[in-house]
């Protein structure tokens, strides 16, 4: 039962993270005002919490659930998935820094700043495609080595 519970939690968190990035993308538009900046800051905080939970639950799943760490440690698709998740996290840094800078300045961002931040949100969303592909391949035993 632990395996099923942790798997469901992991999947819900990953899909929630995608939804949060999509919500940020939706809110981040030209003409962004104070309310939008507040919304972005809240979404970005929730993003950080959910991303941390994904790491905690994901590694707990890999270590304590049915397949065990040995299965994951020797799977190239697992490491590709971890690397892709890290890239998603790295791509989230520039928008986060921009949101903080904009709130501190107390003035709305210009269209070029919004365009730059949206680029990184696009990148994050696009990286979910290979992330899910790597997860599916890994779950089916592809990519085993050693």
N, C-alpha and C. Protein backbone atom coordinates (compact mmCIF):
# COMPACT_ATOMS: atom_id res chain seq x y z
N UNK A 1 0.82 -1.19 0.00
CA UNK A 1 0.00 0.00 0.00
C UNK A 1 0.87 1.26 0.00
N UNK A 2 2.02 1.20 0.67
CA UNK A 2 2.93 2.34 0.70
C UNK A 2 3.35 2.72 -0.71
N UNK A 3 3.68 1.72 -1.53
CA UNK A 3 4.11 1.98 -2.90
C UNK A 3 3.04 2.73 -3.68
N UNK A 4 1.80 2.29 -3.59
CA UNK A 4 0.70 2.94 -4.30
C UNK A 4 0.48 4.36 -3.80
N UNK A 5 0.47 4.54 -2.51
CA UNK A 5 0.24 5.87 -1.92
C UNK A 5 1.33 6.86 -2.34
N UNK A 6 2.57 6.43 -2.26
CA UNK A 6 3.68 7.31 -2.62
C UNK A 6 3.67 7.59 -4.12
N UNK A 7 3.33 6.59 -4.93
CA UNK A 7 3.26 6.79 -6.38
C UNK A 7 2.18 7.81 -6.74
N UNK A 8 1.02 7.70 -6.12
CA UNK A 8 -0.07 8.65 -6.38
C UNK A 8 0.34 10.05 -5.96
N UNK A 9 0.93 10.17 -4.77
CA UNK A 9 1.38 11.48 -4.30
C UNK A 9 2.41 12.08 -5.25
N UNK A 10 3.34 11.27 -5.70
CA UNK A 10 4.38 11.75 -6.63
C UNK A 10 3.76 12.26 -7.93
N UNK A 11 2.85 11.49 -8.48
CA UNK A 11 2.21 11.91 -9.73
C UNK A 11 1.39 13.18 -9.55
N UNK A 12 0.63 13.26 -8.47
CA UNK A 12 -0.17 14.46 -8.22
C UNK A 12 0.72 15.70 -8.07
N UNK A 13 1.83 15.54 -7.39
CA UNK A 13 2.75 16.67 -7.21
C UNK A 13 3.36 17.11 -8.55
N UNK A 14 3.77 16.16 -9.38
CA UNK A 14 4.37 16.52 -10.67
C UNK A 14 3.35 17.24 -11.55
N UNK A 15 2.13 16.72 -11.60
CA UNK A 15 1.11 17.38 -12.41
C UNK A 15 0.73 18.73 -11.82
N UNK A 16 0.77 18.85 -10.50
CA UNK A 16 0.51 20.15 -9.86
C UNK A 16 1.59 21.15 -10.25
N UNK A 17 2.84 20.70 -10.28
CA UNK A 17 3.93 21.60 -10.66
C UNK A 17 3.73 22.12 -12.08
N UNK A 18 3.33 21.22 -12.98
CA UNK A 18 3.05 21.64 -14.35
C UNK A 18 1.95 22.70 -14.36
N UNK A 19 0.89 22.46 -13.59
CA UNK A 19 -0.21 23.41 -13.51
C UNK A 19 0.22 24.76 -12.96
N UNK A 20 1.11 24.75 -11.99
CA UNK A 20 1.60 26.00 -11.42
C UNK A 20 2.41 26.78 -12.45
N UNK A 21 3.28 26.10 -13.18
CA UNK A 21 4.06 26.78 -14.22
C UNK A 21 3.12 27.34 -15.29
N UNK A 22 2.11 26.57 -15.66
CA UNK A 22 1.15 27.04 -16.64
C UNK A 22 0.40 28.26 -16.11
N UNK A 23 0.04 28.24 -14.84
CA UNK A 23 -0.65 29.39 -14.24
C UNK A 23 0.25 30.62 -14.24
N UNK A 24 1.53 30.44 -13.94
CA UNK A 24 2.47 31.57 -14.00
C UNK A 24 2.51 32.11 -15.43
N UNK A 25 2.58 31.22 -16.38
CA UNK A 25 2.63 31.61 -17.79
C UNK A 25 1.38 32.41 -18.17
N UNK A 26 0.24 31.99 -17.65
CA UNK A 26 -1.03 32.65 -17.94
C UNK A 26 -1.08 34.04 -17.30
N UNK A 27 -0.59 34.17 -16.08
CA UNK A 27 -0.63 35.46 -15.36
C UNK A 27 0.39 36.44 -15.93
N UNK A 28 1.52 35.94 -16.36
CA UNK A 28 2.62 36.79 -16.82
C UNK A 28 2.36 37.27 -18.25
N UNK A 29 1.73 38.43 -18.35
CA UNK A 29 1.35 39.02 -19.64
C UNK A 29 1.73 40.48 -19.66
N UNK A 30 1.89 41.06 -20.85
CA UNK A 30 2.10 42.51 -20.91
C UNK A 30 0.97 43.24 -20.19
N UNK A 31 1.34 44.31 -19.51
CA UNK A 31 0.36 45.07 -18.75
C UNK A 31 0.20 44.55 -17.33
N UNK A 32 1.10 43.67 -16.91
CA UNK A 32 1.05 43.10 -15.58
C UNK A 32 1.10 44.20 -14.53
N UNK A 33 0.17 44.15 -13.59
CA UNK A 33 0.11 45.15 -12.53
C UNK A 33 0.45 44.57 -11.18
N UNK A 34 0.19 45.33 -10.13
CA UNK A 34 0.51 44.94 -8.77
C UNK A 34 -0.17 43.66 -8.33
N UNK A 35 -1.46 43.50 -8.69
CA UNK A 35 -2.18 42.27 -8.32
C UNK A 35 -1.55 41.06 -9.01
N UNK A 36 -1.18 41.24 -10.26
CA UNK A 36 -0.54 40.15 -10.99
C UNK A 36 0.80 39.78 -10.39
N UNK A 37 1.57 40.78 -9.97
CA UNK A 37 2.86 40.50 -9.33
C UNK A 37 2.67 39.74 -8.02
N UNK A 38 1.66 40.12 -7.27
CA UNK A 38 1.37 39.42 -6.03
C UNK A 38 0.98 37.97 -6.31
N UNK A 39 0.15 37.78 -7.33
CA UNK A 39 -0.26 36.43 -7.73
C UNK A 39 0.95 35.60 -8.17
N UNK A 40 1.84 36.22 -8.96
CA UNK A 40 3.04 35.51 -9.41
C UNK A 40 3.92 35.11 -8.23
N UNK A 41 4.07 36.01 -7.28
CA UNK A 41 4.89 35.70 -6.11
C UNK A 41 4.31 34.53 -5.33
N UNK A 42 3.00 34.50 -5.16
CA UNK A 42 2.35 33.39 -4.46
C UNK A 42 2.52 32.08 -5.23
N UNK A 43 2.28 32.14 -6.54
CA UNK A 43 2.44 30.95 -7.36
C UNK A 43 3.88 30.44 -7.30
N UNK A 44 4.83 31.36 -7.33
CA UNK A 44 6.23 30.96 -7.32
C UNK A 44 6.62 30.34 -5.97
N UNK A 45 6.06 30.85 -4.89
CA UNK A 45 6.29 30.25 -3.57
C UNK A 45 5.72 28.84 -3.54
N UNK A 46 4.51 28.68 -4.03
CA UNK A 46 3.89 27.34 -4.08
C UNK A 46 4.71 26.42 -4.98
N UNK A 47 5.22 26.96 -6.08
CA UNK A 47 6.09 26.19 -6.98
C UNK A 47 7.27 25.62 -6.20
N UNK A 48 7.94 26.46 -5.43
CA UNK A 48 9.10 26.01 -4.66
C UNK A 48 8.75 24.93 -3.66
N UNK A 49 7.61 25.08 -2.99
CA UNK A 49 7.17 24.08 -2.01
C UNK A 49 6.87 22.77 -2.71
N UNK A 50 6.12 22.83 -3.82
CA UNK A 50 5.76 21.61 -4.54
C UNK A 50 7.01 20.93 -5.12
N UNK A 51 7.94 21.70 -5.65
CA UNK A 51 9.18 21.12 -6.19
C UNK A 51 9.95 20.41 -5.09
N UNK A 52 10.03 21.01 -3.92
CA UNK A 52 10.70 20.36 -2.79
C UNK A 52 10.01 19.07 -2.39
N UNK A 53 8.69 19.09 -2.38
CA UNK A 53 7.93 17.88 -2.04
C UNK A 53 8.13 16.78 -3.09
N UNK A 54 8.25 17.19 -4.36
CA UNK A 54 8.50 16.19 -5.41
C UNK A 54 9.82 15.48 -5.16
N UNK A 55 10.83 16.25 -4.80
CA UNK A 55 12.14 15.64 -4.52
C UNK A 55 12.04 14.71 -3.32
N UNK A 56 11.40 15.17 -2.25
CA UNK A 56 11.26 14.36 -1.04
C UNK A 56 10.46 13.08 -1.31
N UNK A 57 9.30 13.23 -1.92
CA UNK A 57 8.44 12.08 -2.19
C UNK A 57 9.07 11.17 -3.26
N UNK A 58 9.66 11.77 -4.28
CA UNK A 58 10.27 10.98 -5.34
C UNK A 58 11.41 10.11 -4.85
N UNK A 59 12.31 10.69 -4.08
CA UNK A 59 13.42 9.88 -3.57
C UNK A 59 12.95 8.90 -2.49
N UNK A 60 11.93 9.28 -1.72
CA UNK A 60 11.36 8.32 -0.77
C UNK A 60 10.78 7.13 -1.52
N UNK A 61 10.14 7.43 -2.62
CA UNK A 61 9.57 6.37 -3.44
C UNK A 61 10.67 5.47 -3.99
N UNK A 62 11.73 6.09 -4.49
CA UNK A 62 12.83 5.32 -5.06
C UNK A 62 13.54 4.45 -4.02
N UNK A 63 13.62 4.94 -2.80
CA UNK A 63 14.36 4.22 -1.77
C UNK A 63 13.48 3.19 -1.04
N UNK A 64 12.26 3.59 -0.66
CA UNK A 64 11.45 2.76 0.24
C UNK A 64 10.33 1.98 -0.43
N UNK A 65 9.95 2.33 -1.65
CA UNK A 65 8.80 1.67 -2.27
C UNK A 65 9.21 0.36 -2.93
N UNK A 66 8.30 -0.23 -3.65
CA UNK A 66 8.40 -1.61 -4.12
C UNK A 66 9.66 -1.94 -4.91
N UNK A 67 10.06 -1.09 -5.84
CA UNK A 67 11.20 -1.46 -6.69
C UNK A 67 12.54 -1.26 -5.99
N UNK A 68 12.61 -0.33 -5.07
CA UNK A 68 13.85 -0.13 -4.31
C UNK A 68 14.90 0.67 -5.07
N UNK A 69 15.87 1.17 -4.32
CA UNK A 69 16.89 2.05 -4.87
C UNK A 69 17.72 1.37 -5.97
N UNK A 70 18.03 0.10 -5.82
CA UNK A 70 18.86 -0.59 -6.81
C UNK A 70 18.25 -0.50 -8.21
N UNK A 71 16.94 -0.63 -8.30
CA UNK A 71 16.25 -0.54 -9.60
C UNK A 71 16.51 0.83 -10.24
N UNK A 72 16.37 1.88 -9.46
CA UNK A 72 16.48 3.24 -9.99
C UNK A 72 17.93 3.65 -10.21
N UNK A 73 18.80 3.28 -9.31
CA UNK A 73 20.20 3.70 -9.39
C UNK A 73 20.88 3.19 -10.65
N UNK A 74 20.38 2.11 -11.18
CA UNK A 74 20.99 1.49 -12.37
C UNK A 74 20.10 1.64 -13.60
N UNK A 75 19.46 2.79 -13.71
CA UNK A 75 18.57 3.03 -14.84
C UNK A 75 18.87 4.39 -15.46
N UNK A 76 19.30 4.37 -16.71
CA UNK A 76 19.64 5.62 -17.40
C UNK A 76 18.47 6.57 -17.54
N UNK A 77 17.28 6.03 -17.71
CA UNK A 77 16.11 6.90 -17.83
C UNK A 77 15.76 7.57 -16.49
N UNK A 78 16.06 6.90 -15.38
CA UNK A 78 15.88 7.55 -14.08
C UNK A 78 16.78 8.78 -13.99
N UNK A 79 18.04 8.59 -14.35
CA UNK A 79 18.99 9.71 -14.26
C UNK A 79 18.67 10.80 -15.28
N UNK A 80 18.15 10.41 -16.45
CA UNK A 80 17.71 11.41 -17.43
C UNK A 80 16.53 12.19 -16.87
N UNK A 81 15.63 11.51 -16.18
CA UNK A 81 14.48 12.17 -15.56
C UNK A 81 14.95 13.13 -14.47
N UNK A 82 15.88 12.71 -13.64
CA UNK A 82 16.42 13.57 -12.59
C UNK A 82 17.11 14.78 -13.21
N UNK A 83 17.89 14.55 -14.27
CA UNK A 83 18.56 15.66 -14.95
C UNK A 83 17.58 16.64 -15.57
N UNK A 84 16.52 16.12 -16.16
CA UNK A 84 15.49 16.99 -16.76
C UNK A 84 14.77 17.79 -15.68
N UNK A 85 14.49 17.15 -14.55
CA UNK A 85 13.86 17.87 -13.45
C UNK A 85 14.78 18.98 -12.94
N UNK A 86 16.08 18.69 -12.89
CA UNK A 86 17.05 19.72 -12.49
C UNK A 86 17.05 20.87 -13.49
N UNK A 87 16.96 20.56 -14.78
CA UNK A 87 16.90 21.63 -15.80
C UNK A 87 15.65 22.47 -15.63
N UNK A 88 14.54 21.83 -15.32
CA UNK A 88 13.30 22.58 -15.07
C UNK A 88 13.51 23.52 -13.89
N UNK A 89 14.15 23.01 -12.84
CA UNK A 89 14.44 23.84 -11.68
C UNK A 89 15.36 25.00 -12.01
N UNK A 90 16.40 24.74 -12.80
CA UNK A 90 17.32 25.81 -13.20
C UNK A 90 16.61 26.86 -14.06
N UNK A 91 15.72 26.40 -14.94
CA UNK A 91 14.97 27.34 -15.79
C UNK A 91 14.00 28.18 -14.98
N UNK A 92 13.65 27.73 -13.78
CA UNK A 92 12.72 28.49 -12.94
C UNK A 92 13.42 29.64 -12.21
N UNK A 93 14.73 29.63 -12.16
CA UNK A 93 15.46 30.65 -11.41
C UNK A 93 15.32 32.05 -12.02
N UNK A 94 15.55 32.23 -13.33
CA UNK A 94 15.42 33.60 -13.87
C UNK A 94 14.04 34.23 -13.66
N UNK A 95 12.92 33.51 -13.87
CA UNK A 95 11.63 34.13 -13.58
C UNK A 95 11.47 34.49 -12.10
N UNK A 96 11.92 33.60 -11.21
CA UNK A 96 11.82 33.88 -9.78
C UNK A 96 12.58 35.16 -9.43
N UNK A 97 13.80 35.28 -9.93
CA UNK A 97 14.59 36.47 -9.66
C UNK A 97 13.93 37.72 -10.24
N UNK A 98 13.32 37.57 -11.41
CA UNK A 98 12.62 38.70 -12.02
C UNK A 98 11.42 39.12 -11.17
N UNK A 99 10.63 38.16 -10.68
CA UNK A 99 9.47 38.49 -9.85
C UNK A 99 9.91 39.23 -8.60
N UNK A 100 10.98 38.76 -7.99
CA UNK A 100 11.50 39.42 -6.78
C UNK A 100 11.96 40.85 -7.09
N UNK A 101 12.67 40.99 -8.19
CA UNK A 101 13.16 42.31 -8.61
C UNK A 101 12.00 43.25 -8.90
N UNK A 102 10.98 42.79 -9.59
CA UNK A 102 9.84 43.62 -9.94
C UNK A 102 9.07 44.05 -8.69
N UNK A 103 8.89 43.13 -7.76
CA UNK A 103 8.16 43.48 -6.53
C UNK A 103 8.95 44.49 -5.71
N UNK A 104 10.25 44.29 -5.65
CA UNK A 104 11.09 45.21 -4.88
C UNK A 104 11.08 46.61 -5.50
N UNK A 105 11.11 46.67 -6.83
CA UNK A 105 11.12 47.95 -7.53
C UNK A 105 9.78 48.68 -7.38
N UNK A 106 8.72 47.91 -7.21
CA UNK A 106 7.39 48.51 -7.05
C UNK A 106 6.82 49.09 -8.33
N UNK A 107 7.45 48.77 -9.44
CA UNK A 107 6.94 49.22 -10.74
C UNK A 107 6.71 48.01 -11.62
N UNK A 108 5.73 48.07 -12.49
CA UNK A 108 5.47 46.92 -13.36
C UNK A 108 6.61 46.71 -14.35
N UNK A 109 6.84 45.47 -14.72
CA UNK A 109 7.90 45.18 -15.70
C UNK A 109 7.50 45.66 -17.09
N UNK A 110 8.51 45.92 -17.91
CA UNK A 110 8.22 46.29 -19.29
C UNK A 110 8.00 45.02 -20.12
N UNK A 111 7.55 45.22 -21.34
CA UNK A 111 7.20 44.07 -22.19
C UNK A 111 8.40 43.17 -22.48
N UNK A 112 9.60 43.76 -22.59
CA UNK A 112 10.80 42.95 -22.86
C UNK A 112 11.13 42.06 -21.66
N UNK A 113 10.98 42.57 -20.46
CA UNK A 113 11.24 41.77 -19.26
C UNK A 113 10.22 40.63 -19.15
N UNK A 114 8.99 40.91 -19.48
CA UNK A 114 7.96 39.87 -19.46
C UNK A 114 8.25 38.81 -20.51
N UNK A 115 8.64 39.25 -21.69
CA UNK A 115 8.97 38.32 -22.77
C UNK A 115 10.11 37.39 -22.36
N UNK A 116 11.12 37.94 -21.70
CA UNK A 116 12.28 37.15 -21.27
C UNK A 116 11.84 36.11 -20.21
N UNK A 117 11.05 36.53 -19.25
CA UNK A 117 10.59 35.60 -18.21
C UNK A 117 9.69 34.52 -18.82
N UNK A 118 8.84 34.90 -19.76
CA UNK A 118 7.95 33.92 -20.41
C UNK A 118 8.75 32.89 -21.20
N UNK A 119 9.90 33.28 -21.75
CA UNK A 119 10.77 32.33 -22.45
C UNK A 119 11.13 31.16 -21.52
N UNK A 120 11.52 31.51 -20.29
CA UNK A 120 11.90 30.46 -19.35
C UNK A 120 10.71 29.60 -18.92
N UNK A 121 9.54 30.21 -18.81
CA UNK A 121 8.35 29.43 -18.50
C UNK A 121 8.01 28.48 -19.66
N UNK A 122 8.17 28.97 -20.89
CA UNK A 122 8.00 28.10 -22.06
C UNK A 122 8.95 26.90 -21.97
N UNK A 123 10.19 27.20 -21.65
CA UNK A 123 11.20 26.16 -21.56
C UNK A 123 10.83 25.13 -20.49
N UNK A 124 10.41 25.61 -19.33
CA UNK A 124 9.99 24.69 -18.27
C UNK A 124 8.86 23.78 -18.74
N UNK A 125 7.85 24.38 -19.35
CA UNK A 125 6.70 23.60 -19.82
C UNK A 125 7.14 22.57 -20.87
N UNK A 126 8.01 22.98 -21.78
CA UNK A 126 8.47 22.06 -22.83
C UNK A 126 9.26 20.90 -22.24
N UNK A 127 10.01 21.14 -21.18
CA UNK A 127 10.82 20.08 -20.57
C UNK A 127 9.99 19.02 -19.87
N UNK A 128 8.73 19.31 -19.60
CA UNK A 128 7.87 18.28 -19.01
C UNK A 128 7.62 17.14 -19.99
N UNK A 129 7.71 17.40 -21.28
CA UNK A 129 7.47 16.34 -22.28
C UNK A 129 8.53 15.24 -22.15
N UNK A 130 9.84 15.57 -22.25
CA UNK A 130 10.81 14.49 -22.07
C UNK A 130 10.80 13.91 -20.65
N UNK A 131 10.49 14.72 -19.65
CA UNK A 131 10.42 14.23 -18.28
C UNK A 131 9.42 13.08 -18.18
N UNK A 132 8.23 13.27 -18.74
CA UNK A 132 7.21 12.22 -18.70
C UNK A 132 7.62 11.02 -19.55
N UNK A 133 8.28 11.27 -20.68
CA UNK A 133 8.77 10.17 -21.51
C UNK A 133 9.81 9.33 -20.78
N UNK A 134 10.74 10.00 -20.11
CA UNK A 134 11.77 9.28 -19.34
C UNK A 134 11.12 8.48 -18.21
N UNK A 135 10.13 9.06 -17.55
CA UNK A 135 9.45 8.36 -16.45
C UNK A 135 8.73 7.11 -16.97
N UNK A 136 8.07 7.24 -18.10
CA UNK A 136 7.35 6.09 -18.65
C UNK A 136 8.33 4.99 -19.07
N UNK A 137 9.43 5.36 -19.71
CA UNK A 137 10.42 4.36 -20.13
C UNK A 137 11.04 3.67 -18.91
N UNK A 138 11.38 4.47 -17.90
CA UNK A 138 11.98 3.93 -16.69
C UNK A 138 11.04 2.95 -15.99
N UNK A 139 9.77 3.31 -15.90
CA UNK A 139 8.80 2.46 -15.21
C UNK A 139 8.63 1.11 -15.89
N UNK A 140 8.93 1.06 -17.17
CA UNK A 140 8.78 -0.18 -17.92
C UNK A 140 10.08 -0.96 -18.04
N UNK A 141 11.10 -0.50 -17.32
CA UNK A 141 12.36 -1.25 -17.26
C UNK A 141 13.35 -0.93 -18.35
N UNK A 142 13.06 0.01 -19.22
CA UNK A 142 14.04 0.41 -20.23
C UNK A 142 15.14 1.22 -19.56
N UNK A 143 16.33 1.14 -20.10
CA UNK A 143 17.43 1.98 -19.63
C UNK A 143 18.27 1.38 -18.53
N UNK A 144 18.04 0.10 -18.21
CA UNK A 144 18.83 -0.52 -17.15
C UNK A 144 20.27 -0.72 -17.59
N UNK A 145 21.18 -0.47 -16.67
CA UNK A 145 22.59 -0.72 -16.92
C UNK A 145 23.22 -1.28 -15.65
N UNK A 146 24.44 -1.79 -15.78
CA UNK A 146 25.19 -2.30 -14.61
C UNK A 146 24.61 -3.54 -14.12
